Amino acid sequence: MPRIPFDELKAEFKRVLIKNGCDEATADLSARLMSETSCDGVYSHGVNRFPRVIEYVEKGYIDVKAKPSRVQGMGAFERWDGNLGLGNVNAKLSMDRAIDLAKEFGIGCVALANTNHWLRGGSYGWQAADAGCIGICWTNTQPNMPAWGARDRRIGNNPFIMAVPRKEGHVVVDIAMAQFSYGQMEASAMRNEMMPVPGGYDEQGNMSCDPKEIAKTWRVLPIGYWKGSSMSIVMDLIAAVLSGGRSTMKVGELGSDEYGLSQMFIAMDATRIAGEDYLASAINEVIENIQGSERVDPNQPVLYPGEKELAIRNANLAHGIPVEDAVWAKIKAL
């Protein structure tokens, strides 16, 4: 498995995007976001996902020339249309706008309709935290998970992100409403690895740790069982209602591919509201308390959310980003 320097990976993404009709500035931004995602160790939503992004461009689901447009504004809340542009660019610009509103009103909220897969949702949590804001965002998806008690897929695994700014390293939660995202399971299947805990059901209806068996049924397991199922349904409703966009059900009616999504972006100016000193002390004392926990395994530290990604980022910047041989060959050939 080769290790690709950050700048080389970004240049390759940018090259392919420009070849597919993207202007240089948009290609540069999208390529940077995908490279940062890969650099943080979320390969399933970065380098591994890139060939599918280009496939969707070729199918016409993604319009690389489209820009998001403002539809409606009510003080700190705005509704935008993504016009089926690049999902990670639309999401970045939407969180930018939520941050601007937060700097003006203390809180800002952008509801985005008609957009595409945003790749790693955590990117926009890190983005808000970099601006000194608490960030909350989520997206709906195609129907890719059964509601609790059901066999067929009618709800989404709807990723949800929360981020809190911290000078020593932001606290960032990035979770799907499924125990594992499909991207995570796909990456594990490529490496012939089992999931650490059951992530869904096999064809015999048994809970399984085998991503290949779960992929055959699409019966992924909601986090917290019925709790994750309920969260998925409510998040979908909020995103669709406030954006005026599609619900997961309506996304499913478009066909077997995933596009035309609805997303939410919320920023709160934590630095101004709490003050820098209290913000730092309140967060650090909680993290220090958690890290002082009695460990189950003395060799495994208790990490705060986002700590692992920061460590992987630093290692990958120093040594290069590991990329599967087959994935790198496919990208080079695009």
Protein backbone atom coordinates (compact mmCIF):
# COMPACT_ATOMS: atom_id res chain seq x y z
CA MET A 1 0.00 0.00 0.00
CA PRO A 2 1.74 3.23 -1.13
CA ARG A 3 1.83 6.37 0.99
CA ILE A 4 0.96 9.41 -1.10
CA PRO A 5 2.06 12.90 0.01
CA PHE A 6 -0.85 15.26 0.76
CA ASP A 7 -0.01 17.67 -2.06
CA GLU A 8 0.31 14.86 -4.61
CA LEU A 9 -3.05 13.38 -3.62
CA LYS A 10 -4.72 16.79 -3.80
CA ALA A 11 -3.15 17.50 -7.20
CA GLU A 12 -4.47 14.22 -8.58
CA PHE A 13 -8.01 14.90 -7.35
CA LYS A 14 -7.83 18.42 -8.81
CA ARG A 15 -6.52 17.16 -12.15
CA VAL A 16 -9.41 14.75 -12.59
CA LEU A 17 -12.05 17.29 -11.50
CA ILE A 18 -10.76 19.88 -13.98
CA LYS A 19 -10.72 17.22 -16.73
CA ASN A 20 -14.40 16.66 -15.93
CA GLY A 21 -15.34 20.31 -16.44
CA CYS A 22 -14.76 21.82 -12.98
CA ASP A 23 -13.31 25.33 -12.76
CA GLU A 24 -9.92 25.61 -11.05
CA ALA A 25 -11.07 27.30 -7.83
CA THR A 26 -13.90 24.83 -7.20
CA ALA A 27 -11.68 21.88 -8.10
CA ASP A 28 -9.00 23.11 -5.72
CA LEU A 29 -11.48 23.44 -2.83
CA SER A 30 -13.10 20.05 -3.43
CA ALA A 31 -9.72 18.37 -3.82
CA ARG A 32 -8.44 19.94 -0.59
CA LEU A 33 -11.48 18.76 1.37
CA MET A 34 -11.11 15.20 0.05
CA SER A 35 -7.39 15.19 0.79
CA GLU A 36 -7.98 16.46 4.34
CA THR A 37 -10.54 13.72 4.85
CA SER A 38 -8.06 11.08 3.73
CA CYS A 39 -5.28 12.68 5.77
CA ASP A 40 -7.42 12.34 8.91
CA GLY A 41 -7.76 8.61 8.28
CA VAL A 42 -11.34 8.65 6.95
CA TYR A 43 -10.30 6.95 3.71
CA SER A 44 -13.80 5.57 3.10
CA HIS A 45 -15.14 9.10 2.54
CA GLY A 46 -12.04 10.53 0.87
CA VAL A 47 -9.74 8.73 -1.52
CA ASN A 48 -11.83 5.54 -1.65
CA ARG A 49 -14.98 7.52 -2.53
CA PHE A 50 -13.43 9.71 -5.24
CA PRO A 51 -14.01 7.34 -8.20
CA ARG A 52 -17.74 7.29 -7.31
CA VAL A 53 -17.81 11.10 -7.30
CA ILE A 54 -16.51 11.08 -10.87
CA GLU A 55 -19.00 8.36 -11.80
CA TYR A 56 -21.83 10.61 -10.55
CA VAL A 57 -20.43 13.53 -12.55
CA GLU A 58 -20.49 11.34 -15.67
CA LYS A 59 -24.07 10.24 -14.92
CA GLY A 60 -25.19 13.86 -14.55
CA TYR A 61 -26.10 13.61 -10.86
CA ILE A 62 -23.37 16.12 -9.98
CA ASP A 63 -23.11 19.39 -11.90
CA VAL A 64 -19.52 20.54 -11.35
CA LYS A 65 -20.37 24.00 -12.71
CA ALA A 66 -23.31 24.59 -10.33
CA LYS A 67 -23.14 26.97 -7.37
CA PRO A 68 -25.49 27.03 -4.37
CA SER A 69 -28.09 29.81 -4.37
CA ARG A 70 -29.92 31.55 -1.52
CA VAL A 71 -33.67 30.93 -1.62
CA GLN A 72 -34.95 32.57 1.56
CA GLY A 73 -33.72 34.31 4.70
CA MET A 74 -35.27 34.99 8.10
CA GLY A 75 -32.72 36.62 10.38
CA ALA A 76 -30.28 33.96 11.56
CA PHE A 77 -31.93 31.27 9.38
CA GLU A 78 -31.46 30.86 5.64
CA ARG A 79 -32.66 28.33 3.08
CA TRP A 80 -30.35 27.46 0.16
CA ASP A 81 -30.54 25.33 -3.00
CA GLY A 82 -27.44 23.28 -3.82
CA ASN A 83 -28.42 22.99 -7.52
CA LEU A 84 -26.86 19.49 -7.52
CA GLY A 85 -23.34 20.89 -7.26
CA LEU A 86 -20.36 19.09 -5.74
CA GLY A 87 -21.53 17.93 -2.33
CA ASN A 88 -18.43 18.78 -0.31
CA VAL A 89 -18.17 22.26 -1.84
CA ASN A 90 -21.87 22.97 -1.22
CA ALA A 91 -21.51 21.83 2.38
CA LYS A 92 -18.38 23.89 3.00
CA LEU A 93 -20.02 27.03 1.62
CA SER A 94 -23.17 26.35 3.66
CA MET A 95 -21.21 26.09 6.90
CA ASP A 96 -19.30 29.23 5.89
CA ARG A 97 -22.63 31.03 5.69
CA ALA A 98 -23.85 29.58 9.00
CA ILE A 99 -20.63 30.86 10.62
CA ASP A 100 -21.15 34.33 9.12
CA LEU A 101 -24.67 34.40 10.53
CA ALA A 102 -23.40 33.22 13.91
CA LYS A 103 -20.85 36.03 14.00
CA GLU A 104 -23.73 38.47 13.42
CA PHE A 105 -26.51 36.92 15.53
CA GLY A 106 -24.70 34.54 17.88
CA ILE A 107 -26.27 31.59 16.05
CA GLY A 108 -26.63 30.81 12.36
CA CYS A 109 -28.56 28.08 10.59
CA VAL A 110 -28.52 27.10 6.91
CA ALA A 111 -30.90 24.49 5.50
CA LEU A 112 -29.63 23.16 2.17
CA ALA A 113 -31.79 21.33 -0.38
CA ASN A 114 -31.00 19.56 -3.65
CA THR A 115 -27.35 18.78 -2.92
CA ASN A 116 -25.07 15.76 -3.17
CA HIS A 117 -23.16 13.47 -0.82
CA TRP A 118 -20.97 15.72 1.34
CA LEU A 119 -18.31 12.98 1.74
CA ARG A 120 -16.97 13.35 5.34
CA GLY A 121 -19.49 15.29 7.39
CA GLY A 122 -16.90 15.84 10.12
CA SER A 123 -15.09 18.28 7.81
CA TYR A 124 -17.78 20.89 8.44
CA GLY A 125 -17.63 20.37 12.20
CA TRP A 126 -13.86 20.98 12.13
CA GLN A 127 -14.55 24.01 9.93
CA ALA A 128 -16.96 25.55 12.45
CA ALA A 129 -14.58 24.84 15.34
CA ASP A 130 -11.69 26.47 13.43
CA ALA A 131 -13.86 29.63 13.39
CA GLY A 132 -14.38 29.46 17.16
CA CYS A 133 -17.91 28.14 16.78
CA ILE A 134 -19.80 25.14 18.05
CA GLY A 135 -20.90 23.32 14.89
CA ILE A 136 -23.83 20.97 14.39
CA CYS A 137 -24.75 19.51 11.02
CA TRP A 138 -26.41 16.50 9.49
CA THR A 139 -27.60 15.11 6.19
CA ASN A 140 -30.21 12.67 5.03
CA THR A 141 -29.36 9.86 2.61
CA GLN A 142 -30.98 7.41 0.26
CA PRO A 143 -33.03 4.69 2.04
CA ASN A 144 -30.17 2.48 3.19
CA MET A 145 -31.23 1.22 6.63
CA PRO A 146 -34.30 -0.59 7.96
CA ALA A 147 -36.31 1.14 10.66
CA TRP A 148 -36.15 -0.76 13.96
CA GLY A 149 -38.31 -3.86 13.66
CA ALA A 150 -38.32 -3.78 9.84
CA ARG A 151 -36.49 -5.81 7.20
CA ASP A 152 -36.62 -3.49 4.18
CA ARG A 153 -34.72 -0.20 3.87
CA ARG A 154 -36.90 2.89 4.33
CA ILE A 155 -34.78 5.24 6.46
CA GLY A 156 -31.23 6.61 6.08
CA ASN A 157 -28.07 6.20 8.14
CA ASN A 158 -28.08 10.05 8.22
CA PRO A 159 -24.64 11.16 9.52
CA PHE A 160 -24.66 13.61 12.44
CA ILE A 161 -21.80 15.89 13.53
CA MET A 162 -21.16 18.03 16.61
CA ALA A 163 -17.96 20.01 17.18
CA VAL A 164 -16.64 22.15 20.05
CA PRO A 165 -13.64 24.46 19.50
CA ARG A 166 -10.49 23.84 21.54
CA LYS A 167 -7.02 25.29 20.96
CA GLU A 168 -5.23 22.02 21.78
CA GLY A 169 -7.48 20.04 19.43
CA HIS A 170 -11.18 20.37 18.67
CA VAL A 171 -13.70 17.95 20.14
CA VAL A 172 -15.57 16.49 17.14
CA VAL A 173 -18.19 13.74 16.95
CA ASP A 174 -18.93 12.39 13.46
CA ILE A 175 -21.34 9.46 13.50
CA ALA A 176 -23.81 7.77 11.21
CA MET A 177 -27.11 6.55 12.62
CA ALA A 178 -25.95 3.08 11.61
CA GLN A 179 -23.37 1.29 13.76
CA PHE A 180 -20.98 1.61 10.81
CA SER A 181 -21.25 3.68 7.64
CA TYR A 182 -21.31 1.80 4.34
CA GLY A 183 -17.98 3.44 3.50
CA GLN A 184 -16.40 2.01 6.65
CA MET A 185 -17.71 -1.46 5.90
CA GLU A 186 -16.60 -1.23 2.28
CA ALA A 187 -13.08 -0.28 3.40
CA SER A 188 -12.99 -3.19 5.87
CA ALA A 189 -14.24 -5.59 3.20
CA MET A 190 -11.43 -4.46 0.87
CA ARG A 191 -8.93 -5.41 3.59
CA ASN A 192 -10.78 -8.67 4.42
CA GLU A 193 -11.31 -7.44 7.98
CA MET A 194 -14.20 -8.05 10.36
CA MET A 195 -15.98 -5.19 12.11
CA PRO A 196 -15.12 -4.93 15.84
CA VAL A 197 -18.78 -5.35 16.87
CA PRO A 198 -21.89 -6.51 14.95
CA GLY A 199 -22.89 -3.98 12.30
CA GLY A 200 -25.91 -5.62 10.71
CA TYR A 201 -27.55 -8.88 9.71
CA ASP A 202 -26.53 -11.70 7.39
CA GLU A 203 -28.86 -13.58 5.02
CA GLN A 204 -29.90 -15.96 7.81
CA GLY A 205 -31.09 -13.02 9.94
CA ASN A 206 -28.22 -13.28 12.41
CA MET A 207 -26.23 -10.29 13.64
CA SER A 208 -22.86 -10.27 11.89
CA CYS A 209 -19.43 -8.62 12.07
CA ASP A 210 -18.70 -9.57 8.44
CA PRO A 211 -19.07 -6.48 6.19
CA LYS A 212 -19.36 -8.67 3.09
CA GLU A 213 -22.32 -10.57 4.52
CA ILE A 214 -24.02 -7.38 5.70
CA ALA A 215 -23.58 -5.87 2.22
CA LYS A 216 -25.66 -8.73 0.78
CA THR A 217 -28.70 -7.82 2.89
CA TRP A 218 -28.36 -4.02 3.38
CA ARG A 219 -29.74 -4.71 6.87
CA VAL A 220 -27.39 -2.45 8.80
CA LEU A 221 -27.89 -2.03 12.52
CA PRO A 222 -29.00 1.39 13.89
CA ILE A 223 -26.90 2.75 16.75
CA GLY A 224 -28.70 2.15 20.01
CA TYR A 225 -31.17 -0.07 18.14
CA TRP A 226 -34.56 1.75 18.25
CA LYS A 227 -32.88 4.97 19.45
CA GLY A 228 -30.77 5.33 16.30
CA SER A 229 -33.78 4.48 14.16
CA SER A 230 -35.83 7.23 15.84
CA MET A 231 -33.01 9.77 15.51
CA SER A 232 -32.70 8.99 11.81
CA ILE A 233 -36.40 9.58 11.18
CA VAL A 234 -36.54 12.90 13.07
CA MET A 235 -33.32 14.26 11.53
CA ASP A 236 -34.64 13.44 8.06
CA LEU A 237 -37.91 15.24 8.78
CA ILE A 238 -36.18 18.38 10.10
CA ALA A 239 -33.79 18.59 7.14
CA ALA A 240 -36.54 18.09 4.56
CA VAL A 241 -39.04 20.46 6.19
CA LEU A 242 -36.61 23.33 6.85
CA SER A 243 -34.78 23.09 3.50
CA GLY A 244 -37.89 22.49 1.41
CA GLY A 245 -35.98 19.58 -0.10
CA ARG A 246 -36.37 15.84 -0.40
CA SER A 247 -36.92 13.43 2.45
CA THR A 248 -35.11 10.09 2.45
CA MET A 249 -38.26 8.56 0.97
CA LYS A 250 -38.24 11.05 -1.92
CA VAL A 251 -34.50 10.55 -2.48
CA GLY A 252 -35.24 6.84 -2.83
CA GLU A 253 -37.80 7.57 -5.53
CA LEU A 254 -35.02 9.03 -7.72
CA GLY A 255 -33.54 5.55 -8.23
CA SER A 256 -30.79 3.37 -6.82
CA ASP A 257 -28.14 6.13 -6.69
CA GLU A 258 -27.86 8.78 -4.00
CA TYR A 259 -28.28 12.45 -4.92
CA GLY A 260 -30.68 15.35 -4.36
CA LEU A 261 -30.15 15.32 -0.57
CA SER A 262 -31.22 17.69 2.24
CA GLN A 263 -28.78 18.95 4.86
CA MET A 264 -28.61 21.17 7.96
CA PHE A 265 -25.75 23.42 9.13
CA ILE A 266 -25.80 25.20 12.50
CA ALA A 267 -23.06 27.37 14.00
CA MET A 268 -22.96 29.06 17.41
CA ASP A 269 -20.31 31.65 18.24
CA ALA A 270 -18.99 29.89 21.34
CA THR A 271 -15.97 32.17 21.68
CA ARG A 272 -18.09 35.32 21.90
CA ILE A 273 -20.91 33.75 23.94
CA ALA A 274 -18.78 31.95 26.55
CA GLY A 275 -15.59 34.00 26.39
CA GLU A 276 -12.22 32.49 25.49
CA ASP A 277 -11.11 31.83 29.07
CA TYR A 278 -14.25 30.05 30.26
CA LEU A 279 -14.58 28.15 26.97
CA ALA A 280 -11.05 26.78 27.31
CA SER A 281 -11.22 25.97 31.03
CA ALA A 282 -14.64 24.30 30.86
CA ILE A 283 -13.62 22.03 27.97
CA ASN A 284 -10.15 21.19 29.29
CA GLU A 285 -11.34 20.22 32.77
CA VAL A 286 -13.90 17.81 31.28
CA ILE A 287 -11.32 16.24 28.94
CA GLU A 288 -8.74 15.92 31.73
CA ASN A 289 -11.34 14.24 33.92
CA ILE A 290 -12.24 11.75 31.16
CA GLN A 291 -8.61 11.01 30.36
CA GLY A 292 -8.03 10.27 34.05
CA SER A 293 -10.45 7.34 33.87
CA GLU A 294 -9.42 3.89 35.05
CA ARG A 295 -8.53 2.07 31.84
CA VAL A 296 -9.89 -1.33 30.89
CA ASP A 297 -6.64 -1.95 29.00
CA PRO A 298 -3.65 -0.12 30.54
CA ASN A 299 -2.08 0.17 27.07
CA GLN A 300 -5.15 1.79 25.48
CA PRO A 301 -5.75 5.45 26.40
CA VAL A 302 -9.25 6.88 26.81
CA LEU A 303 -9.60 9.35 23.93
CA TYR A 304 -11.84 12.36 23.51
CA PRO A 305 -13.80 12.59 20.22
CA GLY A 306 -11.49 13.91 17.50
CA GLU A 307 -8.22 13.01 19.26
CA LYS A 308 -7.59 9.94 17.12
CA GLU A 309 -8.16 11.84 13.87
CA LEU A 310 -5.71 14.55 14.95
CA ALA A 311 -3.01 11.96 15.65
CA ILE A 312 -3.61 10.23 12.30
CA ARG A 313 -3.49 13.61 10.54
CA ASN A 314 -0.08 14.42 11.98
CA ALA A 315 1.29 10.98 11.09
CA ASN A 316 -0.05 11.09 7.54
CA LEU A 317 1.28 14.59 6.95
CA ALA A 318 4.70 13.37 8.02
CA HIS A 319 4.75 10.02 6.21
CA GLY A 320 2.14 10.27 3.43
CA ILE A 321 -1.45 9.08 3.18
CA PRO A 322 -1.88 5.29 2.79
CA VAL A 323 -3.93 4.42 -0.30
CA GLU A 324 -5.00 0.97 -1.46
CA ASP A 325 -3.08 -0.03 -4.61
CA ALA A 326 -6.26 -0.75 -6.56
CA VAL A 327 -7.84 2.57 -5.54
CA TRP A 328 -4.75 4.59 -6.48
CA ALA A 329 -4.47 2.82 -9.84
CA LYS A 330 -8.14 3.57 -10.54
CA ILE A 331 -7.74 7.27 -9.69
CA LYS A 332 -4.58 7.60 -11.81
CA ALA A 333 -6.49 6.11 -14.73
CA LEU A 334 -9.44 8.51 -14.50
